[in-house]
Amino acid sequence: MPATETIDLDALVDLIQSDQLYEDLNREAKKAGGRDGNGELPQSFFESYSAMANTNGGVILLGVEEKPKNHFSVYGLKQVRKIREDLSNTLNNRQKVSKNLLQDSDVSEVQVADKIILVIRVPRATREEKPIYLNNNPITGTYRRNYQGDYRCDESVVKRMLAEQVSDGQDKRIIPLTGIDDLHLESFHAYRNRFRITNLSHTWNNDSDIDFLTHLQGYRKDRETGEEGLTVAGLLMFGRW
């Protein structure tokens, strides 16, 4: 099943009940039992969300456990409403997840025998949206997916994704919750010194670091939303990540 197609829920249930379900590049199952066994959204969900969004999209099943290996059984979820609320709250928290790609139609409650599971379709992110990352740090919080599961991207892969945003005209896009503290200050101040030496009378020499970086289009404030921070270009030029 291509990840971008609508999920055939009846066919999925048939796979589970006939013991033909398996994990692959576009499908991941998680028990999501929580400490009390009543169901809890696991942190690993968001790693899979990032990985699938940055690869080909996919489907995450909550309430389905792998036991034994390569055999899946329905564990079920008792606190479905709470899990859905936690999912929405976390995906819409920019400090936790860089962008929420899900619509309401991407989350389905499915009954298998007498138990409920959640089936979550993760769309593939566009080049403009990548990387989808966690915990406000693209370098340490970006994941992709292969046939062995989710893996953390190395710095070169993340910077390539960011560079593709620039090539698509996204170099002025604000990276949420970033600022001067996210610069490699030694490199930035070395650049300012070189600029000062070659432009002795330039008015920018008296500006603050933020104002100077703004002139270079490395920092921006959106007047409509009030959001401000380093741009993609600024991060690529002087970011310490």
C-alpha atoms as a PDB file:
ATOM      1  CA  MET A   1       0.000   0.000   0.000  1.00  0.00           C
ATOM      2  CA  PRO A   2       1.586   3.319  -1.022  1.00  0.00           C
ATOM      3  CA  ALA A   3       1.816   5.639   1.970  1.00  0.00           C
ATOM      4  CA  THR A   4       0.036   8.482   0.192  1.00  0.00           C
ATOM      5  CA  GLU A   5      -3.161   6.511  -0.508  1.00  0.00           C
ATOM      6  CA  THR A   6      -6.242   6.408   1.694  1.00  0.00           C
ATOM      7  CA  ILE A   7      -6.012   3.587   4.223  1.00  0.00           C
ATOM      8  CA  ASP A   8      -8.306   0.608   3.589  1.00  0.00           C
ATOM      9  CA  LEU A   9      -9.250  -0.005   7.220  1.00  0.00           C
ATOM     10  CA  ASP A  10     -11.193  -3.207   6.506  1.00  0.00           C
ATOM     11  CA  ALA A  11      -8.198  -4.691   4.702  1.00  0.00           C
ATOM     12  CA  LEU A  12      -5.955  -3.666   7.588  1.00  0.00           C
ATOM     13  CA  VAL A  13      -8.207  -5.407  10.109  1.00  0.00           C
ATOM     14  CA  ASP A  14      -8.165  -8.534   7.933  1.00  0.00           C
ATOM     15  CA  LEU A  15      -4.354  -8.495   7.947  1.00  0.00           C
ATOM     16  CA  ILE A  16      -4.281  -8.250  11.736  1.00  0.00           C
ATOM     17  CA  GLN A  17      -6.850 -10.984  12.314  1.00  0.00           C
ATOM     18  CA  SER A  18      -5.233 -13.366   9.827  1.00  0.00           C
ATOM     19  CA  ASP A  19      -1.767 -12.815  11.353  1.00  0.00           C
ATOM     20  CA  GLN A  20      -0.459 -11.364   8.084  1.00  0.00           C
ATOM     21  CA  LEU A  21       0.440  -7.924   9.420  1.00  0.00           C
ATOM     22  CA  TYR A  22       4.112  -7.005   9.284  1.00  0.00           C
ATOM     23  CA  GLU A  23       6.178  -3.869   9.743  1.00  0.00           C
ATOM     24  CA  ASP A  24       7.889  -2.347   6.740  1.00  0.00           C
ATOM     25  CA  LEU A  25       9.175   0.999   5.505  1.00  0.00           C
ATOM     26  CA  ASN A  26       5.694   2.529   5.626  1.00  0.00           C
ATOM     27  CA  ARG A  27       4.094   0.727   8.565  1.00  0.00           C
ATOM     28  CA  GLU A  28       4.875   0.666  12.289  1.00  0.00           C
ATOM     29  CA  ALA A  29       3.018  -0.981  15.191  1.00  0.00           C
ATOM     30  CA  LYS A  30       3.294   0.152  18.817  1.00  0.00           C
ATOM     31  CA  LYS A  31       1.738  -1.420  21.897  1.00  0.00           C
ATOM     32  CA  ALA A  32       1.217   1.998  23.569  1.00  0.00           C
ATOM     33  CA  GLY A  33       0.215   0.278  26.797  1.00  0.00           C
ATOM     34  CA  GLY A  34       1.628   2.810  29.234  1.00  0.00           C
ATOM     35  CA  ARG A  35       2.701   2.110  32.798  1.00  0.00           C
ATOM     36  CA  ASP A  36      -0.772   1.113  33.981  1.00  0.00           C
ATOM     37  CA  GLY A  37      -1.665  -0.894  30.889  1.00  0.00           C
ATOM     38  CA  ASN A  38      -4.573   1.381  29.979  1.00  0.00           C
ATOM     39  CA  GLY A  39      -2.838   3.048  27.063  1.00  0.00           C
ATOM     40  CA  GLU A  40      -0.419   5.925  26.674  1.00  0.00           C
ATOM     41  CA  LEU A  41       1.096   7.763  23.727  1.00  0.00           C
ATOM     42  CA  PRO A  42       4.740   6.601  23.623  1.00  0.00           C
ATOM     43  CA  GLN A  43       7.638   8.974  22.916  1.00  0.00           C
ATOM     44  CA  SER A  44       8.710   6.618  20.151  1.00  0.00           C
ATOM     45  CA  PHE A  45       5.559   7.619  18.252  1.00  0.00           C
ATOM     46  CA  PHE A  46       7.059  11.013  17.490  1.00  0.00           C
ATOM     47  CA  GLU A  47      10.334   9.518  16.309  1.00  0.00           C
ATOM     48  CA  SER A  48       8.324   7.395  13.866  1.00  0.00           C
ATOM     49  CA  TYR A  49       6.234  10.444  12.908  1.00  0.00           C
ATOM     50  CA  SER A  50       9.377  12.433  12.075  1.00  0.00           C
ATOM     51  CA  ALA A  51      10.941   9.461  10.274  1.00  0.00           C
ATOM     52  CA  MET A  52       7.917   8.737   8.098  1.00  0.00           C
ATOM     53  CA  ALA A  53       7.280  12.406   7.313  1.00  0.00           C
ATOM     54  CA  ASN A  54      10.894  12.808   6.179  1.00  0.00           C
ATOM     55  CA  THR A  55      10.825   9.617   4.081  1.00  0.00           C
ATOM     56  CA  ASN A  56       7.721   8.396   2.232  1.00  0.00           C
ATOM     57  CA  GLY A  57       4.951   8.851   4.780  1.00  0.00           C
ATOM     58  CA  GLY A  58       3.338   5.829   6.389  1.00  0.00           C
ATOM     59  CA  VAL A  59       0.911   4.350   8.892  1.00  0.00           C
ATOM     60  CA  ILE A  60       1.378   3.985  12.663  1.00  0.00           C
ATOM     61  CA  LEU A  61      -0.822   1.534  14.588  1.00  0.00           C
ATOM     62  CA  LEU A  62      -1.291   2.188  18.303  1.00  0.00           C
ATOM     63  CA  GLY A  63      -2.570  -0.666  20.439  1.00  0.00           C
ATOM     64  CA  VAL A  64      -0.936  -3.407  18.377  1.00  0.00           C
ATOM     65  CA  GLU A  65       2.056  -5.280  19.794  1.00  0.00           C
ATOM     66  CA  GLU A  66       4.717  -7.431  18.195  1.00  0.00           C
ATOM     67  CA  LYS A  67       4.856 -10.704  20.123  1.00  0.00           C
ATOM     68  CA  PRO A  68       6.676 -12.863  19.190  1.00  0.00           C
ATOM     69  CA  LYS A  69       8.889 -11.214  16.603  1.00  0.00           C
ATOM     70  CA  ASN A  70       7.145 -10.611  13.263  1.00  0.00           C
ATOM     71  CA  HIS A  71       3.799 -11.667  14.730  1.00  0.00           C
ATOM     72  CA  PHE A  72       1.358  -9.001  15.850  1.00  0.00           C
ATOM     73  CA  SER A  73      -1.591  -9.138  18.194  1.00  0.00           C
ATOM     74  CA  VAL A  74      -4.133  -6.535  19.221  1.00  0.00           C
ATOM     75  CA  TYR A  75      -3.418  -5.175  22.693  1.00  0.00           C
ATOM     76  CA  GLY A  76      -6.087  -2.480  22.512  1.00  0.00           C
ATOM     77  CA  LEU A  77      -6.372   0.990  24.026  1.00  0.00           C
ATOM     78  CA  LYS A  78      -8.612   1.876  26.976  1.00  0.00           C
ATOM     79  CA  GLN A  79      -7.903   5.620  27.122  1.00  0.00           C
ATOM     80  CA  VAL A  80      -8.366   6.461  23.459  1.00  0.00           C
ATOM     81  CA  ARG A  81      -9.662   9.982  24.069  1.00  0.00           C
ATOM     82  CA  LYS A  82      -6.693  10.896  26.266  1.00  0.00           C
ATOM     83  CA  ILE A  83      -4.242   9.490  23.720  1.00  0.00           C
ATOM     84  CA  ARG A  84      -5.863  11.526  20.950  1.00  0.00           C
ATOM     85  CA  GLU A  85      -5.704  14.670  23.092  1.00  0.00           C
ATOM     86  CA  ASP A  86      -2.033  14.064  23.926  1.00  0.00           C
ATOM     87  CA  LEU A  87      -1.325  13.465  20.242  1.00  0.00           C
ATOM     88  CA  SER A  88      -2.950  16.730  19.176  1.00  0.00           C
ATOM     89  CA  ASN A  89      -1.400  18.778  21.991  1.00  0.00           C
ATOM     90  CA  THR A  90       2.122  17.527  21.328  1.00  0.00           C
ATOM     91  CA  LEU A  91       1.960  17.806  17.537  1.00  0.00           C
ATOM     92  CA  ASN A  92       0.808  21.411  17.888  1.00  0.00           C
ATOM     93  CA  ASN A  93       3.529  22.312  20.410  1.00  0.00           C
ATOM     94  CA  ARG A  94       6.322  23.908  18.380  1.00  0.00           C
ATOM     95  CA  GLN A  95       8.813  23.186  21.164  1.00  0.00           C
ATOM     96  CA  LYS A  96       8.109  19.462  20.763  1.00  0.00           C
ATOM     97  CA  VAL A  97       7.413  19.005  17.034  1.00  0.00           C
ATOM     98  CA  SER A  98       8.396  21.396  14.246  1.00  0.00           C
ATOM     99  CA  LYS A  99       5.167  20.978  12.257  1.00  0.00           C
ATOM    100  CA  ASN A 100       1.870  19.118  12.532  1.00  0.00           C
ATOM    101  CA  LEU A 101       1.112  17.442   9.207  1.00  0.00           C
ATOM    102  CA  LEU A 102      -1.968  15.536  10.398  1.00  0.00           C
ATOM    103  CA  GLN A 103      -5.585  16.366   9.681  1.00  0.00           C
ATOM    104  CA  ASP A 104      -8.516  14.923  11.640  1.00  0.00           C
ATOM    105  CA  SER A 105      -9.154  12.444   8.837  1.00  0.00           C
ATOM    106  CA  ASP A 106      -5.646  10.999   9.311  1.00  0.00           C
ATOM    107  CA  VAL A 107      -6.549   9.547  12.738  1.00  0.00           C
ATOM    108  CA  SER A 108      -9.030   6.646  12.872  1.00  0.00           C
ATOM    109  CA  GLU A 109     -10.399   4.591  15.748  1.00  0.00           C
ATOM    110  CA  VAL A 110     -10.764   0.999  14.592  1.00  0.00           C
ATOM    111  CA  GLN A 111     -12.454  -1.867  16.407  1.00  0.00           C
ATOM    112  CA  VAL A 112     -10.806  -5.270  16.117  1.00  0.00           C
ATOM    113  CA  ALA A 113     -12.914  -7.909  17.857  1.00  0.00           C
ATOM    114  CA  ASP A 114     -13.710  -6.282  21.211  1.00  0.00           C
ATOM    115  CA  LYS A 115     -10.720  -3.912  21.301  1.00  0.00           C
ATOM    116  CA  ILE A 116      -9.997  -0.432  19.949  1.00  0.00           C
ATOM    117  CA  ILE A 117      -6.800   0.606  18.186  1.00  0.00           C
ATOM    118  CA  LEU A 118      -5.742   3.892  16.606  1.00  0.00           C
ATOM    119  CA  VAL A 119      -4.615   3.988  12.988  1.00  0.00           C
ATOM    120  CA  ILE A 120      -2.652   7.129  12.161  1.00  0.00           C
ATOM    121  CA  ARG A 121      -1.709   8.052   8.609  1.00  0.00           C
ATOM    122  CA  VAL A 122       1.444  10.192   8.429  1.00  0.00           C
ATOM    123  CA  PRO A 123       1.728  12.205   5.189  1.00  0.00           C
ATOM    124  CA  ARG A 124       5.056  12.701   3.489  1.00  0.00           C
ATOM    125  CA  ALA A 125       6.423  16.201   4.139  1.00  0.00           C
ATOM    126  CA  THR A 126       7.130  18.443   1.179  1.00  0.00           C
ATOM    127  CA  ARG A 127      10.640  19.734   0.497  1.00  0.00           C
ATOM    128  CA  GLU A 128       9.531  23.084   1.906  1.00  0.00           C
ATOM    129  CA  GLU A 129       8.405  21.407   5.150  1.00  0.00           C
ATOM    130  CA  LYS A 130      11.433  19.170   5.698  1.00  0.00           C
ATOM    131  CA  PRO A 131      13.022  18.463   8.005  1.00  0.00           C
ATOM    132  CA  ILE A 132      10.254  17.516  10.433  1.00  0.00           C
ATOM    133  CA  TYR A 133      12.148  17.421  13.725  1.00  0.00           C
ATOM    134  CA  LEU A 134      11.640  17.062  17.485  1.00  0.00           C
ATOM    135  CA  ASN A 135      12.502  19.072  20.591  1.00  0.00           C
ATOM    136  CA  ASN A 136      13.317  22.314  18.767  1.00  0.00           C
ATOM    137  CA  ASN A 137      16.586  21.016  17.328  1.00  0.00           C
ATOM    138  CA  PRO A 138      16.775  19.845  13.705  1.00  0.00           C
ATOM    139  CA  ILE A 139      20.294  18.466  14.088  1.00  0.00           C
ATOM    140  CA  THR A 140      19.535  16.059  16.952  1.00  0.00           C
ATOM    141  CA  GLY A 141      15.787  15.648  16.418  1.00  0.00           C
ATOM    142  CA  THR A 142      15.442  14.706  12.749  1.00  0.00           C
ATOM    143  CA  TYR A 143      14.663  11.095  11.843  1.00  0.00           C
ATOM    144  CA  ARG A 144      14.232   9.085   8.668  1.00  0.00           C
ATOM    145  CA  ARG A 145      13.143   5.522   8.065  1.00  0.00           C
ATOM    146  CA  ASN A 146      14.504   2.379   6.439  1.00  0.00           C
ATOM    147  CA  TYR A 147      13.434  -1.264   6.557  1.00  0.00           C
ATOM    148  CA  GLN A 148      15.036  -1.679   9.978  1.00  0.00           C
ATOM    149  CA  GLY A 149      12.984   1.133  11.504  1.00  0.00           C
ATOM    150  CA  ASP A 150      13.583   4.745  12.524  1.00  0.00           C
ATOM    151  CA  TYR A 151      17.059   6.248  12.669  1.00  0.00           C
ATOM    152  CA  ARG A 152      18.407   9.657  13.640  1.00  0.00           C
ATOM    153  CA  CYS A 153      19.784  11.648  10.711  1.00  0.00           C
ATOM    154  CA  ASP A 154      23.344  12.867  10.870  1.00  0.00           C
ATOM    155  CA  GLU A 155      24.172  16.548  10.531  1.00  0.00           C
ATOM    156  CA  SER A 156      25.042  16.396   6.838  1.00  0.00           C
ATOM    157  CA  VAL A 157      21.628  14.941   5.940  1.00  0.00           C
ATOM    158  CA  VAL A 158      19.789  17.600   7.950  1.00  0.00           C
ATOM    159  CA  LYS A 159      21.776  20.425   6.409  1.00  0.00           C
ATOM    160  CA  ARG A 160      21.040  19.015   2.967  1.00  0.00           C
ATOM    161  CA  MET A 161      17.306  19.163   3.743  1.00  0.00           C
ATOM    162  CA  LEU A 162      17.682  22.757   4.914  1.00  0.00           C
ATOM    163  CA  ALA A 163      19.702  23.618   1.819  1.00  0.00           C
ATOM    164  CA  GLU A 164      16.900  22.220  -0.353  1.00  0.00           C
ATOM    165  CA  GLN A 165      14.551  24.682   1.346  1.00  0.00           C
ATOM    166  CA  VAL A 166      16.887  27.475   0.288  1.00  0.00           C
ATOM    167  CA  SER A 167      16.983  26.208  -3.300  1.00  0.00           C
ATOM    168  CA  ASP A 168      13.184  26.255  -3.266  1.00  0.00           C
ATOM    169  CA  GLY A 169      13.151  29.908  -2.180  1.00  0.00           C
ATOM    170  CA  GLN A 170      12.602  29.090   1.496  1.00  0.00           C
ATOM    171  CA  ASP A 171      15.813  30.721   2.761  1.00  0.00           C
ATOM    172  CA  LYS A 172      13.821  33.450   4.551  1.00  0.00           C
ATOM    173  CA  ARG A 173      11.638  30.977   6.437  1.00  0.00           C
ATOM    174  CA  ILE A 174      11.862  31.442  10.201  1.00  0.00           C
ATOM    175  CA  ILE A 175      13.138  28.488  12.232  1.00  0.00           C
ATOM    176  CA  PRO A 176      10.845  28.520  15.319  1.00  0.00           C
ATOM    177  CA  LEU A 177      12.245  29.316  18.770  1.00  0.00           C
ATOM    178  CA  THR A 178      15.753  30.141  17.577  1.00  0.00           C
ATOM    179  CA  GLY A 179      17.899  33.163  18.338  1.00  0.00           C
ATOM    180  CA  ILE A 180      21.402  34.470  18.929  1.00  0.00           C
ATOM    181  CA  ASP A 181      22.125  31.622  21.354  1.00  0.00           C
ATOM    182  CA  ASP A 182      21.858  29.213  18.428  1.00  0.00           C
ATOM    183  CA  LEU A 183      24.650  30.934  16.483  1.00  0.00           C
ATOM    184  CA  HIS A 184      28.253  29.841  16.399  1.00  0.00           C
ATOM    185  CA  LEU A 185      29.244  33.214  17.848  1.00  0.00           C
ATOM    186  CA  GLU A 186      32.951  32.896  17.066  1.00  0.00           C
ATOM    187  CA  SER A 187      32.187  32.496  13.351  1.00  0.00           C
ATOM    188  CA  PHE A 188      29.551  35.229  13.405  1.00  0.00           C
ATOM    189  CA  HIS A 189      31.791  37.776  15.138  1.00  0.00           C
ATOM    190  CA  ALA A 190      34.675  36.895  12.828  1.00  0.00           C
ATOM    191  CA  TYR A 191      32.371  37.722   9.908  1.00  0.00           C
ATOM    192  CA  ARG A 192      31.389  41.029  11.550  1.00  0.00           C
ATOM    193  CA  ASN A 193      35.042  41.928  12.024  1.00  0.00           C
ATOM    194  CA  ARG A 194      35.829  41.212   8.368  1.00  0.00           C
ATOM    195  CA  PHE A 195      32.832  43.291   7.331  1.00  0.00           C
ATOM    196  CA  ARG A 196      33.955  46.167   9.575  1.00  0.00           C
ATOM    197  CA  ILE A 197      37.492  46.143   8.177  1.00  0.00           C
ATOM    198  CA  THR A 198      36.314  46.241   4.565  1.00  0.00           C
ATOM    199  CA  ASN A 199      33.432  48.679   5.235  1.00  0.00           C
ATOM    200  CA  LEU A 200      34.821  51.093   7.835  1.00  0.00           C
ATOM    201  CA  SER A 201      32.127  53.749   7.496  1.00  0.00           C
ATOM    202  CA  HIS A 202      29.133  51.463   7.030  1.00  0.00           C
ATOM    203  CA  THR A 203      26.169  52.205   9.318  1.00  0.00           C
ATOM    204  CA  TRP A 204      25.679  48.502  10.056  1.00  0.00           C
ATOM    205  CA  ASN A 205      28.865  48.487  12.124  1.00  0.00           C
ATOM    206  CA  ASN A 206      27.029  50.240  14.970  1.00  0.00           C
ATOM    207  CA  ASP A 207      24.095  47.830  14.958  1.00  0.00           C
ATOM    208  CA  SER A 208      23.384  45.115  17.495  1.00  0.00           C
ATOM    209  CA  ASP A 209      24.062  41.523  16.515  1.00  0.00           C
ATOM    210  CA  ILE A 210      20.337  40.960  15.898  1.00  0.00           C
ATOM    211  CA  ASP A 211      20.016  44.036  13.676  1.00  0.00           C
ATOM    212  CA  PHE A 212      23.182  43.168  11.757  1.00  0.00           C
ATOM    213  CA  LEU A 213      21.956  39.623  11.176  1.00  0.00           C
ATOM    214  CA  THR A 214      18.572  40.999  10.087  1.00  0.00           C
ATOM    215  CA  HIS A 215      20.290  43.101   7.410  1.00  0.00           C
ATOM    216  CA  LEU A 216      21.890  39.886   6.142  1.00  0.00           C
ATOM    217  CA  GLN A 217      18.428  38.227   6.082  1.00  0.00           C
ATOM    218  CA  GLY A 218      19.677  35.729   8.635  1.00  0.00           C
ATOM    219  CA  TYR A 219      17.108  36.837  11.224  1.00  0.00           C
ATOM    220  CA  ARG A 220      13.537  37.904  10.664  1.00  0.00           C
ATOM    221  CA  LYS A 221      10.359  38.911  12.468  1.00  0.00           C
ATOM    222  CA  ASP A 222       6.980  38.177  10.928  1.00  0.00           C
ATOM    223  CA  ARG A 223       4.862  41.284  11.490  1.00  0.00           C
ATOM    224  CA  GLU A 224       1.589  39.400  11.076  1.00  0.00           C
ATOM    225  CA  THR A 225       2.224  36.560  13.512  1.00  0.00           C
ATOM    226  CA  GLY A 226       4.868  38.138  15.759  1.00  0.00           C
ATOM    227  CA  GLU A 227       7.074  35.071  15.291  1.00  0.00           C
ATOM    228  CA  GLU A 228      10.777  35.799  15.081  1.00  0.00           C
ATOM    229  CA  GLY A 229      14.019  33.875  14.901  1.00  0.00           C
ATOM    230  CA  LEU A 230      16.858  32.740  12.704  1.00  0.00           C
ATOM    231  CA  THR A 231      15.986  32.107   9.084  1.00  0.00           C
ATOM    232  CA  VAL A 232      17.052  28.992   7.199  1.00  0.00           C
ATOM    233  CA  ALA A 233      19.777  31.107   5.571  1.00  0.00           C
ATOM    234  CA  GLY A 234      20.974  32.385   8.952  1.00  0.00           C
ATOM    235  CA  LEU A 235      21.132  28.880  10.371  1.00  0.00           C
ATOM    236  CA  LEU A 236      23.117  27.635   7.396  1.00  0.00           C
ATOM    237  CA  MET A 237      25.510  30.605   7.541  1.00  0.00           C
ATOM    238  CA  PHE A 238      26.216  30.784  11.254  1.00  0.00           C
ATOM    239  CA  GLY A 239      24.295  28.050  13.097  1.00  0.00           C
ATOM    240  CA  ARG A 240      26.180  26.121  15.764  1.00  0.00           C
ATOM    241  CA  TRP A 241      24.217  22.905  15.081  1.00  0.00           C
END
